[in-house]
Amino acid sequence: MFYEGERCIYMSLNIRQGYPDDLDSLVITEKKCFSFPCAYSKNHLRYLLTKANSTVLVENQGGVLRGFIIVLYHDSMPGAGIETLNVAPEYRGKGIGHGLLTAAEEEAKKKGQSIITLEVSSKNITAIHLYEKCGFSAREYLPHYYQFPHQGTRDAIRMAKILT
């Protein structure tokens, strides 16, 4: 159960660690969320899932991967960084993104991280609203951050949350 505005939502999320067997489902979900050339390739997702210093969490119901989050950890930088958060369009608005963010924060805390950051397209108002609702705040405006336009802009906003 969690609260969305004034409304209480009961849900049964099934969030677990991602496995190599999830790769094809990650690719499908990635392509639903981002179009070429912004979508990560299968090889890049494989790297993030199997070789990177990362946490990959998936939300799966009835064998259907509905969303995933990838968090990276860098030895040279304090804190964790959300690399990507994807919820398949047909499952948005059901609390999956919120649940994945919360689970990722818990995993980062277990790894001793005290802050978590992310970058989001400056025009992705829906995502910005979700992140603010989850306790993230804007820290920096990043003009020309993306190599390719995301929602009509290359600009991003860096957001952060102190993990307590």
Protein backbone atom coordinates (compact mmCIF):
# COMPACT_ATOMS: atom_id res chain seq x y z
CA MET A 1 0.00 0.00 0.00
CA PHE A 2 1.18 3.52 -0.70
CA TYR A 3 -0.38 6.94 -0.98
CA GLU A 4 -0.71 8.82 -4.22
CA GLY A 5 -1.92 12.29 -3.41
CA GLU A 6 -5.05 11.76 -1.34
CA ARG A 7 -5.66 8.30 -2.70
CA CYS A 8 -4.43 5.08 -1.09
CA ILE A 9 -3.43 2.40 -3.58
CA TYR A 10 -3.17 -1.26 -2.68
CA MET A 11 -0.91 -3.21 -4.89
CA SER A 12 1.08 -6.31 -5.08
CA LEU A 13 4.39 -5.53 -6.71
CA ASN A 14 6.83 -8.33 -7.36
CA ILE A 15 10.23 -6.65 -7.38
CA ARG A 16 13.32 -8.81 -7.51
CA GLN A 17 16.94 -8.79 -8.62
CA GLY A 18 17.37 -8.97 -12.38
CA TYR A 19 18.94 -12.10 -13.88
CA PRO A 20 20.68 -12.76 -17.21
CA ASP A 21 17.52 -14.63 -18.31
CA ASP A 22 15.68 -11.27 -18.09
CA LEU A 23 17.79 -9.71 -20.86
CA ASP A 24 15.31 -10.18 -23.73
CA SER A 25 12.48 -8.74 -21.60
CA LEU A 26 14.68 -5.78 -20.63
CA VAL A 27 15.34 -5.09 -24.32
CA ILE A 28 11.62 -5.26 -25.17
CA THR A 29 10.71 -2.90 -22.32
CA GLU A 30 13.56 -0.53 -23.19
CA LYS A 31 12.33 -0.29 -26.79
CA LYS A 32 8.78 0.43 -25.58
CA CYS A 33 10.09 3.29 -23.45
CA PHE A 34 12.75 4.79 -25.72
CA SER A 35 12.99 4.89 -29.48
CA PHE A 36 16.15 4.60 -31.55
CA PRO A 37 18.72 6.09 -31.14
CA CYS A 38 17.98 6.78 -27.45
CA ALA A 39 17.21 3.18 -26.46
CA TYR A 40 20.07 1.15 -25.00
CA SER A 41 21.27 -1.70 -27.19
CA LYS A 42 20.98 -5.32 -26.16
CA ASN A 43 24.77 -5.44 -25.69
CA HIS A 44 24.74 -2.39 -23.42
CA LEU A 45 21.87 -3.77 -21.34
CA ARG A 46 23.72 -7.11 -21.10
CA TYR A 47 26.78 -5.25 -19.80
CA LEU A 48 24.72 -3.30 -17.24
CA LEU A 49 23.00 -6.51 -16.12
CA THR A 50 26.00 -8.82 -15.91
CA LYS A 51 29.29 -6.90 -15.70
CA ALA A 52 28.76 -3.37 -14.42
CA ASN A 53 28.97 -2.47 -10.74
CA SER A 54 25.21 -2.17 -10.64
CA THR A 55 21.93 -3.19 -9.13
CA VAL A 56 19.27 -4.25 -11.62
CA LEU A 57 15.78 -4.64 -10.21
CA VAL A 58 12.77 -5.82 -12.19
CA GLU A 59 9.05 -5.78 -11.49
CA ASN A 60 7.47 -8.93 -12.87
CA GLN A 61 3.86 -10.08 -12.65
CA GLY A 62 2.74 -13.41 -14.06
CA GLY A 63 5.92 -13.77 -16.09
CA VAL A 64 5.55 -10.29 -17.62
CA LEU A 65 8.34 -7.81 -16.96
CA ARG A 66 6.46 -4.56 -16.41
CA GLY A 67 9.38 -2.34 -15.44
CA PHE A 68 13.01 -2.19 -14.35
CA ILE A 69 15.57 0.11 -12.80
CA ILE A 70 19.35 0.07 -13.10
CA VAL A 71 21.52 1.76 -10.47
CA LEU A 72 25.27 2.20 -10.94
CA TYR A 73 27.94 2.55 -8.29
CA HIS A 74 31.29 4.25 -8.96
CA ASP A 75 34.34 3.77 -6.78
CA SER A 76 35.59 7.26 -7.62
CA MET A 77 32.31 9.03 -6.78
CA PRO A 78 30.21 9.02 -3.64
CA GLY A 79 26.64 7.89 -4.00
CA ALA A 80 24.65 5.82 -6.42
CA GLY A 81 23.35 6.90 -9.81
CA ILE A 82 20.14 5.78 -11.43
CA GLU A 83 21.13 4.89 -14.98
CA THR A 84 17.59 4.21 -16.17
CA LEU A 85 14.06 3.61 -14.90
CA ASN A 86 11.63 2.05 -17.36
CA VAL A 87 7.98 1.15 -16.94
CA ALA A 88 6.24 -0.26 -20.00
CA PRO A 89 3.66 2.29 -21.19
CA GLU A 90 0.72 -0.06 -20.69
CA TYR A 91 1.59 -0.42 -16.97
CA ARG A 92 2.25 3.21 -16.07
CA GLY A 93 0.22 4.84 -13.32
CA LYS A 94 0.11 1.65 -11.24
CA GLY A 95 2.88 2.54 -8.76
CA ILE A 96 5.56 0.43 -10.45
CA GLY A 97 8.00 3.32 -10.94
CA HIS A 98 7.52 4.42 -7.34
CA GLY A 99 8.04 0.86 -6.13
CA LEU A 100 11.18 0.37 -8.19
CA LEU A 101 12.63 3.68 -6.94
CA THR A 102 11.94 2.74 -3.33
CA ALA A 103 13.50 -0.72 -3.77
CA ALA A 104 16.55 0.80 -5.50
CA GLU A 105 17.02 3.27 -2.66
CA GLU A 106 16.94 0.42 -0.14
CA GLU A 107 19.56 -1.51 -2.13
CA ALA A 108 21.77 1.59 -2.34
CA LYS A 109 21.52 2.08 1.42
CA LYS A 110 22.53 -1.56 1.97
CA LYS A 111 25.65 -0.80 -0.09
CA GLY A 112 26.47 2.12 2.20
CA GLN A 113 25.40 4.89 -0.18
CA SER A 114 24.14 8.16 1.32
CA ILE A 115 22.90 9.88 -1.85
CA ILE A 116 21.30 8.79 -5.09
CA THR A 117 21.24 10.89 -8.26
CA LEU A 118 19.69 10.76 -11.71
CA GLU A 119 19.37 12.79 -14.87
CA VAL A 120 16.02 13.32 -16.56
CA SER A 121 14.99 15.11 -19.73
CA SER A 122 13.96 18.66 -18.87
CA LYS A 123 10.72 18.08 -20.81
CA ASN A 124 9.79 14.78 -19.14
CA ILE A 125 7.33 16.39 -16.75
CA THR A 126 5.71 13.08 -15.76
CA ALA A 127 9.04 11.61 -14.64
CA ILE A 128 10.11 14.82 -12.90
CA HIS A 129 6.83 14.81 -10.97
CA LEU A 130 7.39 11.16 -9.94
CA TYR A 131 10.92 11.87 -8.76
CA GLU A 132 9.82 14.93 -6.77
CA LYS A 133 7.03 12.89 -5.19
CA CYS A 134 9.63 10.31 -4.18
CA GLY A 135 11.79 12.95 -2.48
CA PHE A 136 14.23 13.92 -5.22
CA SER A 137 15.05 17.56 -5.80
CA ALA A 138 16.54 19.37 -8.77
CA ARG A 139 20.22 20.14 -8.28
CA GLU A 140 21.52 21.26 -11.66
CA TYR A 141 20.29 22.16 -15.13
CA LEU A 142 22.40 20.42 -17.81
CA PRO A 143 22.13 22.06 -21.24
CA HIS A 144 22.98 19.77 -24.18
CA TYR A 145 23.41 16.78 -21.82
CA TYR A 146 22.05 14.14 -24.20
CA GLN A 147 23.68 13.16 -27.48
CA PHE A 148 20.22 12.67 -29.02
CA PRO A 149 17.00 14.56 -28.23
CA HIS A 150 14.81 13.12 -25.47
CA GLN A 151 11.24 14.37 -25.79
CA GLY A 152 12.37 17.14 -28.11
CA THR A 153 15.33 18.41 -26.08
CA ARG A 154 18.92 17.52 -25.31
CA ASP A 155 18.74 19.31 -21.96
CA ALA A 156 18.49 17.44 -18.67
CA ILE A 157 17.98 18.11 -15.01
CA ARG A 158 20.18 16.39 -12.43
CA MET A 159 18.14 15.40 -9.40
CA ALA A 160 19.28 13.94 -6.10
CA LYS A 161 17.95 12.46 -2.91
CA ILE A 162 19.73 12.07 0.40
CA LEU A 163 19.24 8.51 1.67
CA THR A 164 18.44 8.37 5.36
